[in-house]
């Protein structure tokens, strides 16, 4: 993975060698102070833009020690991002269709004997993933509606063409090409004029709309 394709989001504490490294390499960095000033959601969108997430799959790595006052970790801190900041940022990251995977790091169950901290993380992830599902579903519906709106009409020269049994019904978001529809209309019209002749109509693959892509692409 190239350095420009990496973004550090919510960094609050860096060791001197880490600071030196970030001065030398083109890794994108969005410190907690900047996020608190500009807003978590707005900065998250900027981070996605900087790593070109609109055309590339990406992996979301979540270090729970970036959350202020989160104690179930080996590296707790009093500063950093609030839980609400993290939730807002995750809602933006997970709503993107190019998100390929999420991994959670730095949680230490030995420092969470009653599971309270784990419950906080699990409930937050469940919440943002439900929002992701809804966002992707809405996006798919919009694409299907747009495809249906641009599909050719089934009426040719005032004759309504009915799809014969030999042509399977189009799935949601699909439409037969105008060539196929014209063939159906011509076949029916020809049959009326020449009842002694029998014609077979086959669907045309040319120009047919393609079904919407799947919600997620492999990394």
C-alpha atoms as a PDB file:
ATOM      1  CA  UNK A   1       0.000   0.000   0.000  1.00  0.00           C
ATOM      2  CA  UNK A   2       1.367   3.390  -0.952  1.00  0.00           C
ATOM      3  CA  UNK A   3       1.865   6.017   1.746  1.00  0.00           C
ATOM      4  CA  UNK A   4      -0.496   8.558   0.062  1.00  0.00           C
ATOM      5  CA  UNK A   5      -3.281   5.943   0.301  1.00  0.00           C
ATOM      6  CA  UNK A   6      -3.089   5.909   4.118  1.00  0.00           C
ATOM      7  CA  UNK A   7      -4.882   8.362   6.398  1.00  0.00           C
ATOM      8  CA  UNK A   8      -4.373   8.638  10.155  1.00  0.00           C
ATOM      9  CA  UNK A   9      -7.576   9.898  11.713  1.00  0.00           C
ATOM     10  CA  UNK A  10      -7.868  11.150  15.300  1.00  0.00           C
ATOM     11  CA  UNK A  11      -4.201  10.912  16.244  1.00  0.00           C
ATOM     12  CA  UNK A  12      -3.537  12.606  19.562  1.00  0.00           C
ATOM     13  CA  UNK A  13      -0.322  11.159  20.958  1.00  0.00           C
ATOM     14  CA  UNK A  14       2.806  10.460  18.925  1.00  0.00           C
ATOM     15  CA  UNK A  15       6.265   9.362  19.957  1.00  0.00           C
ATOM     16  CA  UNK A  16       9.213  11.430  18.614  1.00  0.00           C
ATOM     17  CA  UNK A  17      10.160   8.724  16.044  1.00  0.00           C
ATOM     18  CA  UNK A  18       6.557   8.693  14.833  1.00  0.00           C
ATOM     19  CA  UNK A  19       6.511  12.466  14.491  1.00  0.00           C
ATOM     20  CA  UNK A  20       9.741  12.315  12.508  1.00  0.00           C
ATOM     21  CA  UNK A  21       8.342   9.620  10.237  1.00  0.00           C
ATOM     22  CA  UNK A  22       5.223  11.636   9.449  1.00  0.00           C
ATOM     23  CA  UNK A  23       7.388  14.609   8.502  1.00  0.00           C
ATOM     24  CA  UNK A  24       9.186  12.504   5.913  1.00  0.00           C
ATOM     25  CA  UNK A  25       6.406  10.441   4.316  1.00  0.00           C
ATOM     26  CA  UNK A  26       3.240  11.565   2.489  1.00  0.00           C
ATOM     27  CA  UNK A  27       0.813   9.828   4.858  1.00  0.00           C
ATOM     28  CA  UNK A  28      -2.343  11.893   5.388  1.00  0.00           C
ATOM     29  CA  UNK A  29      -2.830  12.865   9.028  1.00  0.00           C
ATOM     30  CA  UNK A  30      -5.921  14.322  10.694  1.00  0.00           C
ATOM     31  CA  UNK A  31      -5.106  15.024  14.352  1.00  0.00           C
ATOM     32  CA  UNK A  32      -7.781  14.992  17.032  1.00  0.00           C
ATOM     33  CA  UNK A  33      -7.441  18.750  17.512  1.00  0.00           C
ATOM     34  CA  UNK A  34      -8.322  19.376  13.844  1.00  0.00           C
ATOM     35  CA  UNK A  35     -11.284  17.002  14.016  1.00  0.00           C
ATOM     36  CA  UNK A  36     -12.639  18.735  17.121  1.00  0.00           C
ATOM     37  CA  UNK A  37     -12.296  22.101  15.378  1.00  0.00           C
ATOM     38  CA  UNK A  38     -13.815  21.163  11.985  1.00  0.00           C
ATOM     39  CA  UNK A  39     -16.263  18.474  13.100  1.00  0.00           C
ATOM     40  CA  UNK A  40     -15.890  14.699  12.980  1.00  0.00           C
ATOM     41  CA  UNK A  41     -18.224  14.054  10.034  1.00  0.00           C
ATOM     42  CA  UNK A  42     -16.789  16.838   7.860  1.00  0.00           C
ATOM     43  CA  UNK A  43     -13.203  15.753   8.538  1.00  0.00           C
ATOM     44  CA  UNK A  44     -14.090  12.106   7.861  1.00  0.00           C
ATOM     45  CA  UNK A  45     -15.434  13.068   4.429  1.00  0.00           C
ATOM     46  CA  UNK A  46     -12.217  14.981   3.754  1.00  0.00           C
ATOM     47  CA  UNK A  47     -10.147  11.947   4.766  1.00  0.00           C
ATOM     48  CA  UNK A  48     -12.064   9.744   2.317  1.00  0.00           C
ATOM     49  CA  UNK A  49     -11.531  12.307  -0.414  1.00  0.00           C
ATOM     50  CA  UNK A  50      -7.783  12.455   0.246  1.00  0.00           C
ATOM     51  CA  UNK A  51      -7.368   8.680  -0.121  1.00  0.00           C
ATOM     52  CA  UNK A  52      -9.597   8.649  -3.243  1.00  0.00           C
ATOM     53  CA  UNK A  53     -12.186   6.367  -1.633  1.00  0.00           C
ATOM     54  CA  UNK A  54     -14.695   7.309  -4.334  1.00  0.00           C
ATOM     55  CA  UNK A  55     -12.900   4.916  -6.707  1.00  0.00           C
ATOM     56  CA  UNK A  56     -10.798   2.664  -4.453  1.00  0.00           C
ATOM     57  CA  UNK A  57     -11.741  -0.010  -1.921  1.00  0.00           C
ATOM     58  CA  UNK A  58     -10.362   0.689   1.540  1.00  0.00           C
ATOM     59  CA  UNK A  59      -9.952  -0.981   4.942  1.00  0.00           C
ATOM     60  CA  UNK A  60     -10.995   0.791   8.148  1.00  0.00           C
ATOM     61  CA  UNK A  61      -8.652   0.091  11.068  1.00  0.00           C
ATOM     62  CA  UNK A  62     -10.069   1.287  14.397  1.00  0.00           C
ATOM     63  CA  UNK A  63      -7.762   1.699  17.402  1.00  0.00           C
ATOM     64  CA  UNK A  64     -10.022   2.048  20.439  1.00  0.00           C
ATOM     65  CA  UNK A  65      -7.286   3.892  22.340  1.00  0.00           C
ATOM     66  CA  UNK A  66      -8.109   6.908  20.159  1.00  0.00           C
ATOM     67  CA  UNK A  67     -11.255   7.297  22.296  1.00  0.00           C
ATOM     68  CA  UNK A  68     -10.721   9.671  25.218  1.00  0.00           C
ATOM     69  CA  UNK A  69     -10.973   8.018  28.652  1.00  0.00           C
ATOM     70  CA  UNK A  70     -11.400   4.532  27.194  1.00  0.00           C
ATOM     71  CA  UNK A  71      -9.872   2.314  29.863  1.00  0.00           C
ATOM     72  CA  UNK A  72     -10.079  -1.177  28.326  1.00  0.00           C
ATOM     73  CA  UNK A  73      -6.801  -0.703  26.470  1.00  0.00           C
ATOM     74  CA  UNK A  74      -3.089  -0.767  27.206  1.00  0.00           C
ATOM     75  CA  UNK A  75      -2.783   2.843  26.053  1.00  0.00           C
ATOM     76  CA  UNK A  76      -5.569   4.888  27.697  1.00  0.00           C
ATOM     77  CA  UNK A  77      -5.548   8.659  27.402  1.00  0.00           C
ATOM     78  CA  UNK A  78      -7.566  11.554  28.728  1.00  0.00           C
ATOM     79  CA  UNK A  79      -7.526  13.509  25.464  1.00  0.00           C
ATOM     80  CA  UNK A  80      -8.350  12.392  21.938  1.00  0.00           C
ATOM     81  CA  UNK A  81     -11.751  11.911  20.344  1.00  0.00           C
ATOM     82  CA  UNK A  82     -14.962  11.678  22.293  1.00  0.00           C
ATOM     83  CA  UNK A  83     -17.148   8.621  21.790  1.00  0.00           C
ATOM     84  CA  UNK A  84     -19.607  10.802  19.872  1.00  0.00           C
ATOM     85  CA  UNK A  85     -16.796  12.052  17.581  1.00  0.00           C
ATOM     86  CA  UNK A  86     -15.834   8.466  16.832  1.00  0.00           C
ATOM     87  CA  UNK A  87     -19.440   7.495  16.142  1.00  0.00           C
ATOM     88  CA  UNK A  88     -19.954  10.401  13.711  1.00  0.00           C
ATOM     89  CA  UNK A  89     -16.745   9.579  11.856  1.00  0.00           C
ATOM     90  CA  UNK A  90     -17.607   5.881  11.650  1.00  0.00           C
ATOM     91  CA  UNK A  91     -21.034   6.708  10.211  1.00  0.00           C
ATOM     92  CA  UNK A  92     -19.307   8.515   7.338  1.00  0.00           C
ATOM     93  CA  UNK A  93     -16.643   5.849   6.790  1.00  0.00           C
ATOM     94  CA  UNK A  94     -19.030   2.890   6.887  1.00  0.00           C
ATOM     95  CA  UNK A  95     -21.633   4.507   4.623  1.00  0.00           C
ATOM     96  CA  UNK A  96     -19.124   4.533   1.753  1.00  0.00           C
ATOM     97  CA  UNK A  97     -19.769   1.709  -0.708  1.00  0.00           C
ATOM     98  CA  UNK A  98     -16.035   1.123  -1.181  1.00  0.00           C
ATOM     99  CA  UNK A  99     -15.476   0.062   2.429  1.00  0.00           C
ATOM    100  CA  UNK A 100     -14.084  -3.476   2.138  1.00  0.00           C
ATOM    101  CA  UNK A 101     -13.384  -4.440   5.763  1.00  0.00           C
ATOM    102  CA  UNK A 102     -13.226  -3.191   9.353  1.00  0.00           C
ATOM    103  CA  UNK A 103     -10.838  -4.338  12.051  1.00  0.00           C
ATOM    104  CA  UNK A 104     -10.783  -3.329  15.719  1.00  0.00           C
ATOM    105  CA  UNK A 105      -7.522  -3.073  17.642  1.00  0.00           C
ATOM    106  CA  UNK A 106      -6.052  -2.155  21.035  1.00  0.00           C
ATOM    107  CA  UNK A 107      -8.970  -3.517  23.105  1.00  0.00           C
ATOM    108  CA  UNK A 108      -7.759  -5.448  26.179  1.00  0.00           C
ATOM    109  CA  UNK A 109     -10.426  -7.717  27.735  1.00  0.00           C
ATOM    110  CA  UNK A 110      -8.319  -8.134  30.892  1.00  0.00           C
ATOM    111  CA  UNK A 111      -9.012  -4.476  31.635  1.00  0.00           C
ATOM    112  CA  UNK A 112     -12.731  -4.908  31.032  1.00  0.00           C
ATOM    113  CA  UNK A 113     -13.803  -7.563  33.578  1.00  0.00           C
ATOM    114  CA  UNK A 114     -17.530  -6.815  33.383  1.00  0.00           C
ATOM    115  CA  UNK A 115     -17.577  -6.323  29.591  1.00  0.00           C
ATOM    116  CA  UNK A 116     -18.869  -2.756  29.796  1.00  0.00           C
ATOM    117  CA  UNK A 117     -16.300  -1.338  27.385  1.00  0.00           C
ATOM    118  CA  UNK A 118     -16.818  -4.201  24.921  1.00  0.00           C
ATOM    119  CA  UNK A 119     -20.563  -3.530  24.967  1.00  0.00           C
ATOM    120  CA  UNK A 120     -19.955   0.133  24.116  1.00  0.00           C
ATOM    121  CA  UNK A 121     -17.822  -0.804  21.098  1.00  0.00           C
ATOM    122  CA  UNK A 122     -20.169  -3.544  19.871  1.00  0.00           C
ATOM    123  CA  UNK A 123     -23.267  -1.336  20.155  1.00  0.00           C
ATOM    124  CA  UNK A 124     -21.520   1.512  18.328  1.00  0.00           C
ATOM    125  CA  UNK A 125     -20.429  -0.787  15.500  1.00  0.00           C
ATOM    126  CA  UNK A 126     -23.906  -2.319  15.237  1.00  0.00           C
ATOM    127  CA  UNK A 127     -25.432   1.154  15.006  1.00  0.00           C
ATOM    128  CA  UNK A 128     -23.158   2.392  12.224  1.00  0.00           C
ATOM    129  CA  UNK A 129     -23.440  -0.865  10.257  1.00  0.00           C
ATOM    130  CA  UNK A 130     -27.245  -0.641  10.329  1.00  0.00           C
ATOM    131  CA  UNK A 131     -26.879   2.886   8.948  1.00  0.00           C
ATOM    132  CA  UNK A 132     -24.515   1.539   6.272  1.00  0.00           C
ATOM    133  CA  UNK A 133     -27.048  -1.078   5.203  1.00  0.00           C
ATOM    134  CA  UNK A 134     -29.753   1.552   4.893  1.00  0.00           C
ATOM    135  CA  UNK A 135     -27.481   3.913   2.934  1.00  0.00           C
ATOM    136  CA  UNK A 136     -26.443   1.214   0.467  1.00  0.00           C
ATOM    137  CA  UNK A 137     -30.033   0.044   0.059  1.00  0.00           C
ATOM    138  CA  UNK A 138     -31.165   3.604  -0.693  1.00  0.00           C
ATOM    139  CA  UNK A 139     -28.330   4.020  -3.194  1.00  0.00           C
ATOM    140  CA  UNK A 140     -29.288   0.781  -4.970  1.00  0.00           C
ATOM    141  CA  UNK A 141     -32.941   1.837  -5.132  1.00  0.00           C
ATOM    142  CA  UNK A 142     -32.012   5.201  -6.630  1.00  0.00           C
ATOM    143  CA  UNK A 143     -29.903   3.478  -9.300  1.00  0.00           C
ATOM    144  CA  UNK A 144     -32.748   1.086 -10.128  1.00  0.00           C
ATOM    145  CA  UNK A 145     -35.262   3.944 -10.378  1.00  0.00           C
ATOM    146  CA  UNK A 146     -32.931   5.919 -12.628  1.00  0.00           C
ATOM    147  CA  UNK A 147     -32.485   2.915 -14.910  1.00  0.00           C
ATOM    148  CA  UNK A 148     -36.243   2.346 -15.044  1.00  0.00           C
ATOM    149  CA  UNK A 149     -36.893   6.012 -15.843  1.00  0.00           C
ATOM    150  CA  UNK A 150     -34.478   5.930 -18.788  1.00  0.00           C
ATOM    151  CA  UNK A 151     -35.839   2.640 -20.186  1.00  0.00           C
ATOM    152  CA  UNK A 152     -37.609   2.767 -23.607  1.00  0.00           C
ATOM    153  CA  UNK A 153     -41.392   2.692 -23.758  1.00  0.00           C
ATOM    154  CA  UNK A 154     -43.223  -0.568 -24.470  1.00  0.00           C
ATOM    155  CA  UNK A 155     -45.532   1.150 -26.972  1.00  0.00           C
ATOM    156  CA  UNK A 156     -44.653   0.985 -30.673  1.00  0.00           C
ATOM    157  CA  UNK A 157     -46.805   2.841 -33.269  1.00  0.00           C
ATOM    158  CA  UNK A 158     -49.793   2.776 -30.961  1.00  0.00           C
ATOM    159  CA  UNK A 159     -49.608  -1.020 -30.505  1.00  0.00           C
ATOM    160  CA  UNK A 160     -48.912  -2.158 -26.944  1.00  0.00           C
ATOM    161  CA  UNK A 161     -46.312  -4.922 -27.067  1.00  0.00           C
ATOM    162  CA  UNK A 162     -46.720  -7.657 -24.509  1.00  0.00           C
ATOM    163  CA  UNK A 163     -43.725  -9.736 -23.540  1.00  0.00           C
ATOM    164  CA  UNK A 164     -44.325 -13.327 -24.710  1.00  0.00           C
ATOM    165  CA  UNK A 165     -43.695 -16.294 -22.441  1.00  0.00           C
ATOM    166  CA  UNK A 166     -40.465 -17.062 -24.301  1.00  0.00           C
ATOM    167  CA  UNK A 167     -38.906 -13.858 -22.902  1.00  0.00           C
ATOM    168  CA  UNK A 168     -38.185 -14.001 -19.151  1.00  0.00           C
ATOM    169  CA  UNK A 169     -39.411 -11.110 -17.041  1.00  0.00           C
ATOM    170  CA  UNK A 170     -36.845  -8.364 -16.469  1.00  0.00           C
ATOM    171  CA  UNK A 171     -35.419  -8.139 -12.984  1.00  0.00           C
ATOM    172  CA  UNK A 172     -35.578  -4.919 -10.953  1.00  0.00           C
ATOM    173  CA  UNK A 173     -33.397  -2.276 -12.572  1.00  0.00           C
ATOM    174  CA  UNK A 174     -33.361  -4.040 -15.945  1.00  0.00           C
ATOM    175  CA  UNK A 175     -35.227  -3.265 -19.173  1.00  0.00           C
ATOM    176  CA  UNK A 176     -35.345  -4.916 -22.575  1.00  0.00           C
ATOM    177  CA  UNK A 177     -33.723  -3.002 -25.390  1.00  0.00           C
ATOM    178  CA  UNK A 178     -35.843  -1.126 -27.906  1.00  0.00           C
ATOM    179  CA  UNK A 179     -34.737  -3.682 -30.501  1.00  0.00           C
ATOM    180  CA  UNK A 180     -36.327  -6.506 -28.511  1.00  0.00           C
ATOM    181  CA  UNK A 181     -39.528  -4.548 -28.011  1.00  0.00           C
ATOM    182  CA  UNK A 182     -39.692  -3.633 -31.679  1.00  0.00           C
ATOM    183  CA  UNK A 183     -39.224  -7.298 -32.574  1.00  0.00           C
ATOM    184  CA  UNK A 184     -42.165  -8.241 -30.373  1.00  0.00           C
ATOM    185  CA  UNK A 185     -44.403  -5.545 -31.898  1.00  0.00           C
ATOM    186  CA  UNK A 186     -43.411  -6.434 -35.452  1.00  0.00           C
ATOM    187  CA  UNK A 187     -43.971 -10.137 -34.766  1.00  0.00           C
ATOM    188  CA  UNK A 188     -47.469  -9.572 -33.398  1.00  0.00           C
ATOM    189  CA  UNK A 189     -48.385  -7.161 -36.193  1.00  0.00           C
ATOM    190  CA  UNK A 190     -47.054  -9.562 -38.818  1.00  0.00           C
ATOM    191  CA  UNK A 191     -48.980 -12.432 -37.260  1.00  0.00           C
ATOM    192  CA  UNK A 192     -52.208 -10.455 -37.518  1.00  0.00           C
ATOM    193  CA  UNK A 193     -51.597  -9.715 -41.203  1.00  0.00           C
ATOM    194  CA  UNK A 194     -50.402 -13.238 -42.013  1.00  0.00           C
ATOM    195  CA  UNK A 195     -52.236 -15.584 -39.649  1.00  0.00           C
ATOM    196  CA  UNK A 196     -50.895 -18.626 -41.526  1.00  0.00           C
ATOM    197  CA  UNK A 197     -47.287 -17.763 -40.666  1.00  0.00           C
ATOM    198  CA  UNK A 198     -45.585 -18.509 -37.354  1.00  0.00           C
ATOM    199  CA  UNK A 199     -42.650 -16.469 -36.071  1.00  0.00           C
ATOM    200  CA  UNK A 200     -40.430 -16.943 -33.032  1.00  0.00           C
ATOM    201  CA  UNK A 201     -39.268 -13.865 -31.120  1.00  0.00           C
ATOM    202  CA  UNK A 202     -36.052 -13.988 -29.112  1.00  0.00           C
ATOM    203  CA  UNK A 203     -34.920 -11.268 -26.678  1.00  0.00           C
ATOM    204  CA  UNK A 204     -32.027  -9.089 -27.747  1.00  0.00           C
ATOM    205  CA  UNK A 205     -29.017  -8.719 -25.466  1.00  0.00           C
ATOM    206  CA  UNK A 206     -27.783  -5.621 -27.247  1.00  0.00           C
ATOM    207  CA  UNK A 207     -28.416  -2.387 -25.404  1.00  0.00           C
ATOM    208  CA  UNK A 208     -30.051  -4.092 -22.423  1.00  0.00           C
ATOM    209  CA  UNK A 209     -29.523  -2.304 -19.158  1.00  0.00           C
ATOM    210  CA  UNK A 210     -27.181  -4.073 -16.793  1.00  0.00           C
ATOM    211  CA  UNK A 211     -28.324  -4.917 -13.248  1.00  0.00           C
ATOM    212  CA  UNK A 212     -27.096  -2.729 -10.412  1.00  0.00           C
ATOM    213  CA  UNK A 213     -23.726  -3.683  -9.006  1.00  0.00           C
ATOM    214  CA  UNK A 214     -23.504  -5.545  -5.691  1.00  0.00           C
ATOM    215  CA  UNK A 215     -23.342  -3.501  -2.509  1.00  0.00           C
ATOM    216  CA  UNK A 216     -19.721  -4.254  -1.848  1.00  0.00           C
ATOM    217  CA  UNK A 217     -16.688  -4.938  -3.976  1.00  0.00           C
ATOM    218  CA  UNK A 218     -13.928  -7.254  -2.850  1.00  0.00           C
ATOM    219  CA  UNK A 219     -10.808  -5.621  -1.533  1.00  0.00           C
END
